[in-house]
Amino acid sequence: MAETLGMLCDKLTIVKLKQYHTEDSDRLKSLGVQSAQLQQEINEYISDAIAGNILPSQMTFAANKVFKKEGNIVDEVQGNFGEIFYQLANVNCTLWHEQEKVYEFEKVPPNEKDTVVKQLALLNLERNKCIDAINERFMKLIKQDK
């Protein structure tokens, strides 16, 4: 299995953002199918993990992020699954809007370009922390249940 619960949740939040930001009926139909497929994958993943078909060691991937910690502070990820999923969705929404600036980077004033790039990096770090937190909490829950 190449994906974790956190990765599937991340993909679902992104599909939901795409649905929110489009009015094209063909695209909305396609995104609706993607959303349903991801929800099904999440349900199957959870069922398989509970049934013991996914080993706890397969439920997490170390982020292995290599970055300078000094000056790169991101919010801590804490709470239950719902709170972490909310934080992931919120980070992806913020990341979506920050990324929009990059599509027309020539319009960003020169003195703000570094801030935009830095914000993208920090948001991606926070996003990865959310994904990892979902994976870790789910793995612990499954281990407790055994």
N, C-alpha and C. Protein backbone atom coordinates (compact mmCIF):
# COMPACT_ATOMS: atom_id res chain seq x y z
N MET A 1 0.85 -1.18 0.00
CA MET A 1 0.00 0.00 0.00
C MET A 1 0.90 1.24 0.00
N ALA A 2 0.66 2.10 -0.95
CA ALA A 2 1.54 3.25 -1.14
C ALA A 2 1.02 4.50 -0.43
N GLU A 3 -0.20 4.44 0.08
CA GLU A 3 -0.75 5.64 0.70
C GLU A 3 -1.13 5.36 2.15
N THR A 4 -1.20 6.43 2.89
CA THR A 4 -1.61 6.34 4.28
C THR A 4 -2.94 7.07 4.45
N LEU A 5 -3.54 6.91 5.61
CA LEU A 5 -4.79 7.60 5.88
C LEU A 5 -4.61 9.11 5.77
N GLY A 6 -3.51 9.63 6.29
CA GLY A 6 -3.25 11.06 6.22
C GLY A 6 -3.14 11.55 4.78
N MET A 7 -2.50 10.77 3.93
CA MET A 7 -2.36 11.16 2.53
C MET A 7 -3.72 11.16 1.83
N LEU A 8 -4.55 10.18 2.14
CA LEU A 8 -5.89 10.13 1.54
C LEU A 8 -6.74 11.30 2.01
N CYS A 9 -6.63 11.64 3.29
CA CYS A 9 -7.37 12.80 3.82
C CYS A 9 -6.89 14.08 3.15
N ASP A 10 -5.59 14.20 2.94
CA ASP A 10 -5.03 15.37 2.27
C ASP A 10 -5.60 15.49 0.86
N LYS A 11 -5.62 14.40 0.13
CA LYS A 11 -6.17 14.42 -1.23
C LYS A 11 -7.64 14.82 -1.23
N LEU A 12 -8.39 14.31 -0.26
CA LEU A 12 -9.81 14.65 -0.20
C LEU A 12 -10.01 16.14 0.06
N THR A 13 -9.23 16.74 0.94
CA THR A 13 -9.38 18.18 1.20
C THR A 13 -9.07 18.99 -0.06
N ILE A 14 -8.11 18.54 -0.84
CA ILE A 14 -7.75 19.25 -2.06
C ILE A 14 -8.85 19.13 -3.11
N VAL A 15 -9.44 17.95 -3.24
CA VAL A 15 -10.56 17.78 -4.17
C VAL A 15 -11.72 18.68 -3.75
N LYS A 16 -11.99 18.76 -2.46
CA LYS A 16 -13.07 19.61 -1.97
C LYS A 16 -12.78 21.09 -2.26
N LEU A 17 -11.53 21.50 -2.15
CA LEU A 17 -11.15 22.88 -2.50
C LEU A 17 -11.38 23.14 -3.99
N LYS A 18 -11.02 22.17 -4.81
CA LYS A 18 -11.24 22.32 -6.26
C LYS A 18 -12.73 22.44 -6.57
N GLN A 19 -13.54 21.65 -5.88
CA GLN A 19 -14.99 21.75 -6.08
C GLN A 19 -15.50 23.13 -5.71
N TYR A 20 -15.02 23.65 -4.62
CA TYR A 20 -15.45 24.96 -4.13
C TYR A 20 -15.07 26.07 -5.11
N HIS A 21 -13.92 25.91 -5.76
CA HIS A 21 -13.39 26.98 -6.59
C HIS A 21 -13.73 26.86 -8.08
N THR A 22 -14.63 25.98 -8.43
CA THR A 22 -15.00 25.87 -9.85
C THR A 22 -16.51 25.91 -10.02
N GLU A 23 -16.91 26.37 -11.18
CA GLU A 23 -18.33 26.38 -11.53
C GLU A 23 -18.57 25.54 -12.78
N ASP A 24 -17.51 25.02 -13.38
CA ASP A 24 -17.60 24.23 -14.59
C ASP A 24 -18.28 22.88 -14.27
N SER A 25 -19.41 22.61 -14.94
CA SER A 25 -20.20 21.42 -14.60
C SER A 25 -19.46 20.12 -14.91
N ASP A 26 -18.70 20.07 -15.99
CA ASP A 26 -17.94 18.85 -16.31
C ASP A 26 -16.86 18.59 -15.26
N ARG A 27 -16.20 19.66 -14.89
CA ARG A 27 -15.15 19.54 -13.86
C ARG A 27 -15.77 19.15 -12.52
N LEU A 28 -16.91 19.75 -12.19
CA LEU A 28 -17.58 19.40 -10.94
C LEU A 28 -18.00 17.93 -10.91
N LYS A 29 -18.45 17.44 -12.04
CA LYS A 29 -18.84 16.03 -12.13
C LYS A 29 -17.63 15.13 -11.90
N SER A 30 -16.53 15.44 -12.56
CA SER A 30 -15.29 14.67 -12.41
C SER A 30 -14.79 14.72 -10.96
N LEU A 31 -14.84 15.91 -10.38
CA LEU A 31 -14.39 16.06 -8.99
C LEU A 31 -15.31 15.31 -8.03
N GLY A 32 -16.61 15.26 -8.35
CA GLY A 32 -17.55 14.50 -7.53
C GLY A 32 -17.20 13.02 -7.52
N VAL A 33 -16.82 12.51 -8.69
CA VAL A 33 -16.39 11.11 -8.79
C VAL A 33 -15.11 10.89 -7.97
N GLN A 34 -14.15 11.80 -8.11
CA GLN A 34 -12.90 11.69 -7.34
C GLN A 34 -13.18 11.72 -5.85
N SER A 35 -14.06 12.60 -5.42
CA SER A 35 -14.40 12.71 -4.00
C SER A 35 -15.00 11.41 -3.49
N ALA A 36 -15.93 10.85 -4.24
CA ALA A 36 -16.57 9.59 -3.83
C ALA A 36 -15.54 8.46 -3.78
N GLN A 37 -14.63 8.43 -4.75
CA GLN A 37 -13.60 7.38 -4.77
C GLN A 37 -12.68 7.51 -3.56
N LEU A 38 -12.28 8.74 -3.24
CA LEU A 38 -11.40 8.94 -2.09
C LEU A 38 -12.11 8.58 -0.78
N GLN A 39 -13.37 8.94 -0.67
CA GLN A 39 -14.12 8.57 0.54
C GLN A 39 -14.20 7.05 0.67
N GLN A 40 -14.41 6.36 -0.45
CA GLN A 40 -14.45 4.91 -0.45
C GLN A 40 -13.08 4.33 -0.06
N GLU A 41 -12.01 4.91 -0.61
CA GLU A 41 -10.66 4.46 -0.26
C GLU A 41 -10.39 4.64 1.22
N ILE A 42 -10.84 5.76 1.78
CA ILE A 42 -10.65 6.01 3.21
C ILE A 42 -11.41 4.96 4.02
N ASN A 43 -12.66 4.69 3.64
CA ASN A 43 -13.45 3.68 4.34
C ASN A 43 -12.78 2.30 4.27
N GLU A 44 -12.30 1.94 3.09
CA GLU A 44 -11.64 0.64 2.91
C GLU A 44 -10.33 0.58 3.70
N TYR A 45 -9.59 1.68 3.70
CA TYR A 45 -8.32 1.73 4.44
C TYR A 45 -8.58 1.48 5.92
N ILE A 46 -9.56 2.17 6.46
CA ILE A 46 -9.88 2.02 7.89
C ILE A 46 -10.34 0.59 8.17
N SER A 47 -11.21 0.06 7.34
CA SER A 47 -11.69 -1.32 7.51
C SER A 47 -10.54 -2.32 7.44
N ASP A 48 -9.66 -2.15 6.46
CA ASP A 48 -8.52 -3.05 6.32
C ASP A 48 -7.58 -2.96 7.52
N ALA A 49 -7.38 -1.77 8.04
CA ALA A 49 -6.50 -1.61 9.20
C ALA A 49 -7.11 -2.28 10.43
N ILE A 50 -8.40 -2.10 10.62
CA ILE A 50 -9.09 -2.71 11.76
C ILE A 50 -9.04 -4.23 11.64
N ALA A 51 -9.18 -4.75 10.42
CA ALA A 51 -9.16 -6.20 10.18
C ALA A 51 -7.75 -6.78 10.27
N GLY A 52 -6.75 -5.92 10.38
CA GLY A 52 -5.37 -6.40 10.47
C GLY A 52 -4.71 -6.62 9.13
N ASN A 53 -5.34 -6.17 8.06
CA ASN A 53 -4.77 -6.33 6.72
C ASN A 53 -3.70 -5.30 6.40
N ILE A 54 -3.59 -4.29 7.23
CA ILE A 54 -2.53 -3.29 7.09
C ILE A 54 -1.76 -3.29 8.41
N LEU A 55 -0.49 -3.55 8.34
CA LEU A 55 0.34 -3.56 9.54
C LEU A 55 0.52 -2.14 10.06
N PRO A 56 0.58 -1.99 11.39
CA PRO A 56 0.82 -0.64 11.93
C PRO A 56 2.07 0.02 11.35
N SER A 57 3.10 -0.77 11.07
CA SER A 57 4.33 -0.21 10.49
C SER A 57 4.12 0.35 9.09
N GLN A 58 3.02 -0.04 8.42
CA GLN A 58 2.72 0.44 7.08
C GLN A 58 1.81 1.67 7.11
N MET A 59 1.40 2.08 8.31
CA MET A 59 0.43 3.18 8.43
C MET A 59 1.08 4.55 8.50
N THR A 60 2.39 4.58 8.60
CA THR A 60 3.09 5.86 8.66
C THR A 60 4.30 5.82 7.74
N PHE A 61 4.62 6.97 7.22
CA PHE A 61 5.87 7.17 6.50
C PHE A 61 6.54 8.34 7.18
N ALA A 62 7.76 8.16 7.56
CA ALA A 62 8.48 9.28 8.17
C ALA A 62 8.60 10.40 7.15
N ALA A 63 8.26 11.60 7.58
CA ALA A 63 8.32 12.74 6.67
C ALA A 63 9.75 12.99 6.20
N ASN A 64 10.70 12.74 7.08
CA ASN A 64 12.11 12.94 6.74
C ASN A 64 12.37 14.30 6.12
N LYS A 65 11.66 15.28 6.59
CA LYS A 65 11.87 16.63 6.07
C LYS A 65 13.22 17.14 6.57
N VAL A 66 13.99 17.63 5.65
CA VAL A 66 15.27 18.21 5.99
C VAL A 66 15.14 19.71 5.77
N PHE A 67 15.12 20.44 6.86
CA PHE A 67 15.00 21.88 6.76
C PHE A 67 15.61 22.52 7.99
N LYS A 68 15.97 23.75 7.85
CA LYS A 68 16.54 24.51 8.94
C LYS A 68 15.40 24.86 9.90
N LYS A 69 15.45 24.35 11.12
CA LYS A 69 14.37 24.58 12.07
C LYS A 69 14.33 26.03 12.57
N GLU A 70 15.49 26.63 12.71
CA GLU A 70 15.55 28.01 13.19
C GLU A 70 14.89 28.94 12.18
N GLY A 71 13.89 29.68 12.63
CA GLY A 71 13.19 30.62 11.77
C GLY A 71 12.10 29.99 10.93
N ASN A 72 11.87 28.71 11.10
CA ASN A 72 10.84 28.00 10.33
C ASN A 72 9.84 27.35 11.28
N ILE A 73 9.23 28.17 12.08
CA ILE A 73 8.28 27.69 13.07
C ILE A 73 6.91 27.52 12.43
N VAL A 74 6.31 26.37 12.66
CA VAL A 74 4.96 26.12 12.18
C VAL A 74 4.10 25.70 13.37
N ASP A 75 2.80 25.88 13.22
CA ASP A 75 1.87 25.54 14.29
C ASP A 75 2.01 24.07 14.68
N GLU A 76 1.82 23.82 15.97
CA GLU A 76 1.81 22.44 16.44
C GLU A 76 0.50 21.80 16.02
N VAL A 77 0.55 20.52 15.82
CA VAL A 77 -0.63 19.76 15.43
C VAL A 77 -1.07 18.97 16.66
N GLN A 78 -2.28 19.24 17.09
CA GLN A 78 -2.77 18.54 18.27
C GLN A 78 -4.27 18.40 18.19
N GLY A 79 -4.80 17.51 19.00
CA GLY A 79 -6.23 17.31 19.06
C GLY A 79 -6.63 15.94 18.55
N ASN A 80 -7.94 15.76 18.41
CA ASN A 80 -8.46 14.49 17.92
C ASN A 80 -8.45 14.48 16.39
N PHE A 81 -8.94 13.39 15.81
CA PHE A 81 -8.93 13.28 14.35
C PHE A 81 -9.66 14.44 13.67
N GLY A 82 -10.82 14.77 14.18
CA GLY A 82 -11.59 15.86 13.58
C GLY A 82 -10.84 17.18 13.62
N GLU A 83 -10.20 17.47 14.74
CA GLU A 83 -9.45 18.72 14.87
C GLU A 83 -8.24 18.74 13.94
N ILE A 84 -7.57 17.61 13.82
CA ILE A 84 -6.41 17.55 12.93
C ILE A 84 -6.85 17.63 11.47
N PHE A 85 -7.95 16.95 11.14
CA PHE A 85 -8.47 17.01 9.77
C PHE A 85 -8.86 18.46 9.44
N TYR A 86 -9.47 19.15 10.40
CA TYR A 86 -9.83 20.56 10.20
C TYR A 86 -8.56 21.39 9.96
N GLN A 87 -7.53 21.15 10.76
CA GLN A 87 -6.29 21.91 10.60
C GLN A 87 -5.68 21.63 9.22
N LEU A 88 -5.72 20.37 8.79
CA LEU A 88 -5.21 20.02 7.46
C LEU A 88 -6.00 20.75 6.37
N ALA A 89 -7.32 20.73 6.48
CA ALA A 89 -8.16 21.42 5.48
C ALA A 89 -7.89 22.92 5.48
N ASN A 90 -7.74 23.49 6.66
CA ASN A 90 -7.46 24.92 6.78
C ASN A 90 -6.10 25.28 6.18
N VAL A 91 -5.10 24.46 6.46
CA VAL A 91 -3.76 24.70 5.89
C VAL A 91 -3.82 24.60 4.37
N ASN A 92 -4.52 23.59 3.86
CA ASN A 92 -4.61 23.45 2.40
C ASN A 92 -5.36 24.61 1.76
N CYS A 93 -6.36 25.14 2.45
CA CYS A 93 -7.08 26.31 1.94
C CYS A 93 -6.15 27.53 1.89
N THR A 94 -5.42 27.74 2.96
CA THR A 94 -4.47 28.86 3.01
C THR A 94 -3.38 28.67 1.95
N LEU A 95 -2.91 27.44 1.81
CA LEU A 95 -1.90 27.13 0.81
C LEU A 95 -2.43 27.39 -0.60
N TRP A 96 -3.68 27.04 -0.83
CA TRP A 96 -4.33 27.28 -2.13
C TRP A 96 -4.25 28.76 -2.50
N HIS A 97 -4.62 29.61 -1.55
CA HIS A 97 -4.66 31.04 -1.83
C HIS A 97 -3.25 31.64 -1.95
N GLU A 98 -2.33 31.12 -1.20
CA GLU A 98 -0.94 31.60 -1.31
C GLU A 98 -0.36 31.17 -2.66
N GLN A 99 -0.68 29.96 -3.09
CA GLN A 99 -0.20 29.45 -4.38
C GLN A 99 -0.75 30.28 -5.53
N GLU A 100 -1.96 30.79 -5.37
CA GLU A 100 -2.56 31.64 -6.41
C GLU A 100 -1.65 32.84 -6.73
N LYS A 101 -0.97 33.34 -5.72
CA LYS A 101 -0.06 34.48 -5.93
C LYS A 101 1.09 34.09 -6.86
N VAL A 102 1.52 32.84 -6.77
CA VAL A 102 2.66 32.39 -7.55
C VAL A 102 2.31 32.28 -9.03
N TYR A 103 1.05 32.00 -9.34
CA TYR A 103 0.64 31.89 -10.74
C TYR A 103 0.81 33.21 -11.49
N GLU A 104 0.79 34.30 -10.75
CA GLU A 104 1.05 35.62 -11.35
C GLU A 104 2.16 36.31 -10.55
N PHE A 105 3.25 35.58 -10.39
CA PHE A 105 4.34 36.03 -9.53
C PHE A 105 4.91 37.38 -9.97
N GLU A 106 4.81 37.65 -11.27
CA GLU A 106 5.33 38.93 -11.77
C GLU A 106 4.56 40.11 -11.19
N LYS A 107 3.34 39.87 -10.72
CA LYS A 107 2.53 40.95 -10.14
C LYS A 107 2.81 41.16 -8.65
N VAL A 108 3.53 40.23 -8.02
CA VAL A 108 3.88 40.37 -6.61
C VAL A 108 5.00 41.40 -6.51
N PRO A 109 4.81 42.42 -5.68
CA PRO A 109 5.87 43.42 -5.54
C PRO A 109 7.19 42.76 -5.11
N PRO A 110 8.30 43.23 -5.65
CA PRO A 110 9.61 42.62 -5.35
C PRO A 110 9.89 42.46 -3.86
N ASN A 111 9.47 43.42 -3.07
CA ASN A 111 9.76 43.33 -1.63
C ASN A 111 8.86 42.32 -0.91
N GLU A 112 7.88 41.71 -1.61
CA GLU A 112 6.99 40.72 -1.01
C GLU A 112 7.25 39.30 -1.53
N LYS A 113 8.08 39.16 -2.54
CA LYS A 113 8.31 37.85 -3.15
C LYS A 113 8.91 36.85 -2.16
N ASP A 114 9.89 37.27 -1.39
CA ASP A 114 10.50 36.36 -0.41
C ASP A 114 9.47 35.90 0.62
N THR A 115 8.57 36.78 1.01
CA THR A 115 7.54 36.44 1.99
C THR A 115 6.59 35.38 1.42
N VAL A 116 6.23 35.52 0.17
CA VAL A 116 5.33 34.54 -0.46
C VAL A 116 6.00 33.17 -0.50
N VAL A 117 7.24 33.11 -0.93
CA VAL A 117 7.96 31.84 -1.03
C VAL A 117 8.12 31.22 0.36
N LYS A 118 8.47 32.03 1.34
CA LYS A 118 8.64 31.53 2.71
C LYS A 118 7.32 30.99 3.25
N GLN A 119 6.23 31.70 3.00
CA GLN A 119 4.91 31.27 3.48
C GLN A 119 4.53 29.93 2.85
N LEU A 120 4.80 29.75 1.57
CA LEU A 120 4.52 28.47 0.91
C LEU A 120 5.30 27.33 1.58
N ALA A 121 6.56 27.58 1.88
CA ALA A 121 7.38 26.56 2.53
C ALA A 121 6.84 26.20 3.90
N LEU A 122 6.49 27.21 4.69
CA LEU A 122 5.97 26.96 6.04
C LEU A 122 4.62 26.24 6.01
N LEU A 123 3.77 26.64 5.09
CA LEU A 123 2.47 25.97 4.98
C LEU A 123 2.63 24.51 4.57
N ASN A 124 3.57 24.23 3.68
CA ASN A 124 3.82 22.84 3.30
C ASN A 124 4.37 22.02 4.46
N LEU A 125 5.20 22.63 5.29
CA LEU A 125 5.69 21.94 6.49
C LEU A 125 4.52 21.62 7.43
N GLU A 126 3.64 22.59 7.62
CA GLU A 126 2.49 22.36 8.49
C GLU A 126 1.57 21.29 7.90
N ARG A 127 1.38 21.33 6.62
CA ARG A 127 0.55 20.32 5.94
C ARG A 127 1.11 18.93 6.20
N ASN A 128 2.42 18.77 6.04
CA ASN A 128 3.04 17.47 6.28
C ASN A 128 2.93 17.04 7.74
N LYS A 129 3.00 18.00 8.65
CA LYS A 129 2.82 17.67 10.07
C LYS A 129 1.41 17.16 10.34
N CYS A 130 0.42 17.73 9.68
CA CYS A 130 -0.96 17.27 9.83
C CYS A 130 -1.12 15.85 9.30
N ILE A 131 -0.58 15.60 8.12
CA ILE A 131 -0.65 14.26 7.53
C ILE A 131 0.00 13.25 8.46
N ASP A 132 1.18 13.58 8.96
CA ASP A 132 1.89 12.68 9.88
C ASP A 132 1.10 12.46 11.16
N ALA A 133 0.47 13.51 11.68
CA ALA A 133 -0.29 13.39 12.92
C ALA A 133 -1.50 12.47 12.74
N ILE A 134 -2.18 12.58 11.61
CA ILE A 134 -3.31 11.68 11.33
C ILE A 134 -2.80 10.24 11.29
N ASN A 135 -1.71 10.02 10.59
CA ASN A 135 -1.15 8.67 10.49
C ASN A 135 -0.75 8.12 11.86
N GLU A 136 -0.07 8.92 12.65
CA GLU A 136 0.41 8.46 13.96
C GLU A 136 -0.74 8.16 14.90
N ARG A 137 -1.75 9.03 14.94
CA ARG A 137 -2.88 8.80 15.83
C ARG A 137 -3.67 7.56 15.41
N PHE A 138 -3.82 7.37 14.11
CA PHE A 138 -4.54 6.20 13.64
C PHE A 138 -3.76 4.93 13.97
N MET A 139 -2.45 4.95 13.75
CA MET A 139 -1.62 3.79 14.06
C MET A 139 -1.73 3.45 15.54
N LYS A 140 -1.65 4.44 16.41
CA LYS A 140 -1.76 4.20 17.85
C LYS A 140 -3.13 3.63 18.21
N LEU A 141 -4.16 4.13 17.58
CA LEU A 141 -5.52 3.64 17.83
C LEU A 141 -5.63 2.17 17.43
N ILE A 142 -5.08 1.81 16.29
CA ILE A 142 -5.14 0.43 15.82
C ILE A 142 -4.31 -0.47 16.74
N LYS A 143 -3.15 0.00 17.18
CA LYS A 143 -2.31 -0.80 18.08
C LYS A 143 -3.03 -1.04 19.42
N GLN A 144 -3.74 -0.03 19.92
CA GLN A 144 -4.48 -0.16 21.18
C GLN A 144 -5.60 -1.17 21.05
N ASP A 145 -6.18 -1.24 19.88
CA ASP A 145 -7.33 -2.10 19.64
C ASP A 145 -6.95 -3.57 19.54
N LYS A 146 -5.69 -3.83 19.30
CA LYS A 146 -5.21 -5.23 19.11
C LYS A 146 -5.01 -5.92 20.42
